[in-house]
């Protein structure tokens, strides 16, 4: 399915949740001089114009990045805010996708592998990163990337997996592929995003992911009470979480709470640490 375009949703509350945890993971990798490789298999276009007609149609950024932009950001997320600052001069007009946030964090010795299947988005992504020798870009099925390019030659690093889940059996397909891939890269950090919708299709995904033999964290951030339609929350499942990630997530939780709608937020954190 190639109908999904993230331009409609860029900078929404789910992006804040997802990109906060991505930032925490990247900053953990940066604590050591050894190079790392980060893989993003649903890359999108790299940058999103918040004044684009598609973004204005949904206005999801109004309850996301615009709601917190001028607030005080926690120290743990300053590098995330700086990633956004780099694209904006005096007014918040652009929001970086996860590939650009990752690029803003890596060093000369690090590498990024990006993938985007959608033809138009792939062209934008390739154009956005032209000339950066640290970045390779592919146009393949995302789950094929997991089976074909993992583990990378630089074994230290991780992967972000954030499908659109346009088809309900995507949850099961993603879960099964992740479990197979983890066996090939048992030192990699796996960040798996999923939407919280009334249909609860994500529960099958969670059942599969919880069966891993490795340590994991589940973070679910809810911004309004569950309704029959629409996204009410954002989930992140992290396999092989970096040291202190659970504590760092708890530290930034009050910041996320400013994104609540109808005076309601809820964040739950579930851990399974294997010895």
Protein backbone atom coordinates (compact mmCIF):
# COMPACT_ATOMS: atom_id res chain seq x y z
CA UNK A 1 0.00 0.00 0.00
CA UNK A 2 1.43 3.37 -1.04
CA UNK A 3 -1.40 5.75 -0.21
CA UNK A 4 0.01 6.92 3.14
CA UNK A 5 1.86 10.26 3.25
CA UNK A 6 3.27 11.49 6.54
CA UNK A 7 2.91 15.13 5.45
CA UNK A 8 -0.66 15.00 6.82
CA UNK A 9 0.58 14.02 10.29
CA UNK A 10 4.02 15.62 10.65
CA UNK A 11 4.71 17.13 14.04
CA UNK A 12 1.70 15.57 15.74
CA UNK A 13 1.76 14.21 19.30
CA UNK A 14 2.77 10.74 18.09
CA UNK A 15 5.81 12.24 16.35
CA UNK A 16 6.80 13.96 19.59
CA UNK A 17 6.55 10.67 21.50
CA UNK A 18 8.38 8.66 18.83
CA UNK A 19 11.11 11.21 18.13
CA UNK A 20 11.74 11.83 21.83
CA UNK A 21 12.53 8.15 22.34
CA UNK A 22 14.58 8.08 19.14
CA UNK A 23 16.62 11.00 20.50
CA UNK A 24 17.18 9.28 23.84
CA UNK A 25 18.40 6.15 22.05
CA UNK A 26 20.74 8.09 19.72
CA UNK A 27 22.21 10.07 22.60
CA UNK A 28 22.94 6.81 24.42
CA UNK A 29 24.89 5.58 21.40
CA UNK A 30 26.82 8.85 21.31
CA UNK A 31 28.22 8.27 24.80
CA UNK A 32 30.93 6.06 23.26
CA UNK A 33 33.44 6.96 20.55
CA UNK A 34 32.87 3.71 18.66
CA UNK A 35 30.91 4.27 15.41
CA UNK A 36 27.33 3.14 15.06
CA UNK A 37 24.87 2.52 12.25
CA UNK A 38 21.24 3.65 12.42
CA UNK A 39 18.64 2.19 10.06
CA UNK A 40 15.29 3.83 9.23
CA UNK A 41 13.15 1.57 7.05
CA UNK A 42 10.14 3.91 6.57
CA UNK A 43 12.10 7.08 5.90
CA UNK A 44 9.45 9.37 4.42
CA UNK A 45 10.69 12.57 2.78
CA UNK A 46 13.13 13.79 5.46
CA UNK A 47 11.51 17.20 6.04
CA UNK A 48 7.91 18.43 6.25
CA UNK A 49 6.49 21.89 5.66
CA UNK A 50 4.02 22.65 8.44
CA UNK A 51 2.31 25.21 6.18
CA UNK A 52 1.75 22.64 3.43
CA UNK A 53 -1.96 22.29 2.45
CA UNK A 54 -1.93 18.64 3.58
CA UNK A 55 -0.65 19.61 7.03
CA UNK A 56 -3.12 22.49 7.29
CA UNK A 57 -5.96 20.15 6.34
CA UNK A 58 -5.48 17.94 9.40
CA UNK A 59 -3.87 20.56 11.70
CA UNK A 60 -2.39 17.73 13.75
CA UNK A 61 0.74 19.76 14.48
CA UNK A 62 -1.42 22.20 16.45
CA UNK A 63 -1.81 19.54 19.14
CA UNK A 64 1.81 18.48 18.72
CA UNK A 65 4.92 20.52 18.07
CA UNK A 66 3.18 23.92 18.10
CA UNK A 67 1.78 23.18 21.54
CA UNK A 68 5.19 22.70 23.15
CA UNK A 69 7.56 24.63 20.92
CA UNK A 70 7.87 27.68 23.16
CA UNK A 71 7.78 25.70 26.40
CA UNK A 72 10.87 24.78 28.41
CA UNK A 73 12.30 21.54 27.03
CA UNK A 74 14.00 18.98 29.29
CA UNK A 75 17.77 18.75 29.01
CA UNK A 76 17.50 15.20 27.68
CA UNK A 77 15.60 16.49 24.62
CA UNK A 78 17.58 19.65 23.82
CA UNK A 79 19.34 17.92 20.92
CA UNK A 80 15.89 17.03 19.51
CA UNK A 81 14.79 20.67 19.71
CA UNK A 82 18.09 21.73 18.12
CA UNK A 83 17.35 19.37 15.21
CA UNK A 84 14.17 21.34 14.60
CA UNK A 85 15.89 24.70 15.15
CA UNK A 86 18.35 23.91 12.38
CA UNK A 87 15.50 23.92 9.82
CA UNK A 88 13.86 27.13 11.04
CA UNK A 89 15.07 30.71 11.27
CA UNK A 90 12.55 32.97 12.97
CA UNK A 91 9.33 30.97 12.65
CA UNK A 92 8.47 27.31 13.06
CA UNK A 93 7.68 26.28 9.50
CA UNK A 94 9.51 22.97 9.02
CA UNK A 95 9.47 19.75 10.98
CA UNK A 96 12.21 17.12 10.49
CA UNK A 97 11.37 13.50 9.87
CA UNK A 98 13.25 10.80 11.75
CA UNK A 99 16.02 10.59 9.07
CA UNK A 100 16.87 14.27 9.52
CA UNK A 101 16.72 14.05 13.31
CA UNK A 102 19.13 11.12 13.10
CA UNK A 103 21.46 13.00 10.75
CA UNK A 104 21.59 15.91 13.19
CA UNK A 105 22.89 13.51 15.85
CA UNK A 106 25.50 11.41 14.03
CA UNK A 107 29.24 12.03 13.71
CA UNK A 108 31.70 11.58 10.85
CA UNK A 109 32.38 7.95 11.81
CA UNK A 110 28.70 6.96 12.00
CA UNK A 111 26.40 5.72 9.24
CA UNK A 112 22.70 5.91 8.37
CA UNK A 113 20.78 3.51 6.13
CA UNK A 114 17.46 4.92 4.90
CA UNK A 115 14.67 3.27 2.98
CA UNK A 116 11.46 4.58 1.39
CA UNK A 117 9.31 2.65 -1.08
CA UNK A 118 6.88 5.41 -2.13
CA UNK A 119 8.28 6.83 -5.44
CA UNK A 120 7.58 10.50 -4.77
CA UNK A 121 8.76 10.33 -1.17
CA UNK A 122 11.89 8.43 -2.22
CA UNK A 123 12.81 11.20 -4.67
CA UNK A 124 12.38 13.85 -1.96
CA UNK A 125 14.38 11.81 0.53
CA UNK A 126 17.24 11.23 -1.93
CA UNK A 127 17.31 14.91 -2.85
CA UNK A 128 17.28 16.01 0.81
CA UNK A 129 20.38 13.94 1.66
CA UNK A 130 22.35 14.30 -1.58
CA UNK A 131 26.07 14.60 -0.96
CA UNK A 132 26.17 13.22 2.58
CA UNK A 133 28.66 10.33 2.38
CA UNK A 134 27.46 8.90 5.71
CA UNK A 135 24.00 8.12 4.35
CA UNK A 136 22.83 5.42 1.93
CA UNK A 137 19.28 5.44 0.58
CA UNK A 138 17.23 2.51 -0.73
CA UNK A 139 13.84 2.11 -2.41
CA UNK A 140 12.70 -1.33 -1.33
CA UNK A 141 9.97 -3.02 0.63
CA UNK A 142 10.66 -2.10 4.25
CA UNK A 143 10.41 -5.58 5.69
CA UNK A 144 12.72 -6.81 2.93
CA UNK A 145 15.28 -4.31 4.19
CA UNK A 146 15.06 -5.92 7.62
CA UNK A 147 15.82 -9.34 6.21
CA UNK A 148 18.32 -8.19 3.59
CA UNK A 149 20.48 -5.49 5.22
CA UNK A 150 20.55 -6.56 8.85
CA UNK A 151 22.92 -6.92 10.53
CA UNK A 152 24.85 -3.96 9.08
CA UNK A 153 28.64 -4.04 8.74
CA UNK A 154 28.89 -1.74 11.77
CA UNK A 155 27.30 -3.97 14.38
CA UNK A 156 26.69 -1.23 16.96
CA UNK A 157 23.45 0.70 16.41
CA UNK A 158 19.76 0.23 15.90
CA UNK A 159 16.70 0.49 13.70
CA UNK A 160 13.48 2.52 13.71
CA UNK A 161 10.39 0.68 12.46
CA UNK A 162 7.32 2.91 12.14
CA UNK A 163 4.89 1.60 9.50
CA UNK A 164 1.60 3.27 8.65
CA UNK A 165 -0.28 0.02 9.40
CA UNK A 166 -2.71 0.71 6.55
CA UNK A 167 -3.72 -2.97 6.49
CA UNK A 168 -4.62 -4.67 9.77
CA UNK A 169 -2.46 -7.72 9.11
CA UNK A 170 0.56 -5.39 8.96
CA UNK A 171 0.75 -5.66 12.75
CA UNK A 172 1.34 -9.40 12.60
CA UNK A 173 3.71 -9.16 9.61
CA UNK A 174 5.82 -6.53 11.37
CA UNK A 175 5.93 -8.51 14.61
CA UNK A 176 6.98 -11.73 12.92
CA UNK A 177 9.67 -10.02 10.84
CA UNK A 178 11.08 -8.19 13.85
CA UNK A 179 11.39 -11.43 15.82
CA UNK A 180 13.29 -13.04 12.94
CA UNK A 181 15.54 -10.02 12.51
CA UNK A 182 16.38 -9.68 16.20
CA UNK A 183 17.90 -13.17 16.08
CA UNK A 184 20.33 -11.91 13.43
CA UNK A 185 21.24 -8.70 15.28
CA UNK A 186 21.00 -9.43 18.99
CA UNK A 187 23.04 -6.36 19.93
CA UNK A 188 20.91 -3.92 17.91
CA UNK A 189 18.38 -1.52 19.41
CA UNK A 190 14.91 -1.99 17.87
CA UNK A 191 12.40 0.87 18.14
CA UNK A 192 8.95 -0.21 16.95
CA UNK A 193 6.20 2.42 16.80
CA UNK A 194 2.50 1.54 16.67
CA UNK A 195 -0.76 3.56 16.82
CA UNK A 196 -3.33 3.24 19.58
CA UNK A 197 -6.75 2.96 17.95
CA UNK A 198 -10.08 1.70 19.22
CA UNK A 199 -9.85 -1.47 17.13
CA UNK A 200 -6.87 -2.63 19.24
CA UNK A 201 -5.12 -4.32 16.31
CA UNK A 202 -1.81 -3.48 18.01
CA UNK A 203 -2.38 -6.14 20.68
CA UNK A 204 -1.36 -8.90 18.25
CA UNK A 205 1.86 -7.02 17.55
CA UNK A 206 2.57 -6.71 21.27
CA UNK A 207 1.91 -10.41 21.87
CA UNK A 208 4.55 -11.25 19.29
CA UNK A 209 7.13 -8.69 20.43
CA UNK A 210 6.83 -9.69 24.10
CA UNK A 211 7.92 -13.20 23.15
CA UNK A 212 11.47 -12.04 22.39
CA UNK A 213 14.18 -13.48 24.62
CA UNK A 214 15.81 -10.04 24.90
CA UNK A 215 15.07 -7.18 27.28
CA UNK A 216 12.37 -4.74 26.25
CA UNK A 217 10.43 -1.62 27.23
CA UNK A 218 6.90 -0.65 26.21
CA UNK A 219 5.94 3.03 26.36
CA UNK A 220 2.35 4.07 25.61
CA UNK A 221 1.37 7.73 25.64
CA UNK A 222 -2.34 8.59 25.53
CA UNK A 223 -3.55 12.15 24.87
CA UNK A 224 -7.31 11.75 25.12
CA UNK A 225 -9.88 9.19 26.13
CA UNK A 226 -10.48 6.34 23.72
CA UNK A 227 -13.15 6.95 21.09
CA UNK A 228 -14.47 4.78 18.28
CA UNK A 229 -12.56 6.75 15.65
CA UNK A 230 -9.14 8.29 15.40
CA UNK A 231 -5.75 8.01 17.03
CA UNK A 232 -5.94 8.38 20.79
CA UNK A 233 -2.38 7.41 21.68
CA UNK A 234 1.08 6.41 20.55
CA UNK A 235 3.07 3.29 21.42
CA UNK A 236 6.77 2.50 21.30
CA UNK A 237 8.19 -0.97 21.91
CA UNK A 238 11.95 -1.00 22.42
CA UNK A 239 13.95 -4.25 22.20
CA UNK A 240 17.47 -4.10 23.65
CA UNK A 241 16.84 -0.72 25.30
CA UNK A 242 19.97 1.34 26.06
CA UNK A 243 21.05 1.64 29.69
CA UNK A 244 18.82 4.02 31.70
CA UNK A 245 16.32 4.45 28.86
CA UNK A 246 13.39 3.63 31.16
CA UNK A 247 14.50 6.27 33.67
CA UNK A 248 15.10 8.83 30.92
CA UNK A 249 11.62 8.22 29.53
CA UNK A 250 10.14 8.84 32.97
CA UNK A 251 12.15 12.06 33.19
CA UNK A 252 10.66 13.49 29.98
CA UNK A 253 7.12 12.28 30.73
CA UNK A 254 6.02 15.63 32.32
CA UNK A 255 7.02 17.36 29.09
CA UNK A 256 4.82 15.01 27.05
CA UNK A 257 1.92 15.68 29.40
CA UNK A 258 1.65 19.20 27.98
CA UNK A 259 0.33 17.56 24.79
CA UNK A 260 -2.85 16.37 26.50
CA UNK A 261 -6.18 17.05 24.85
CA UNK A 262 -9.34 17.72 26.88
CA UNK A 263 -7.16 17.95 30.02
CA UNK A 264 -6.26 14.28 29.81
CA UNK A 265 -3.00 12.37 29.43
CA UNK A 266 -1.74 9.00 30.52
CA UNK A 267 1.65 7.37 30.11
CA UNK A 268 2.39 3.75 30.97
CA UNK A 269 5.78 2.11 31.02
CA UNK A 270 6.25 -1.65 31.05
CA UNK A 271 9.66 -3.30 31.41
CA UNK A 272 11.09 -6.75 30.98
CA UNK A 273 14.80 -6.94 31.75
CA UNK A 274 16.44 -10.24 30.84
CA UNK A 275 19.54 -11.30 32.76
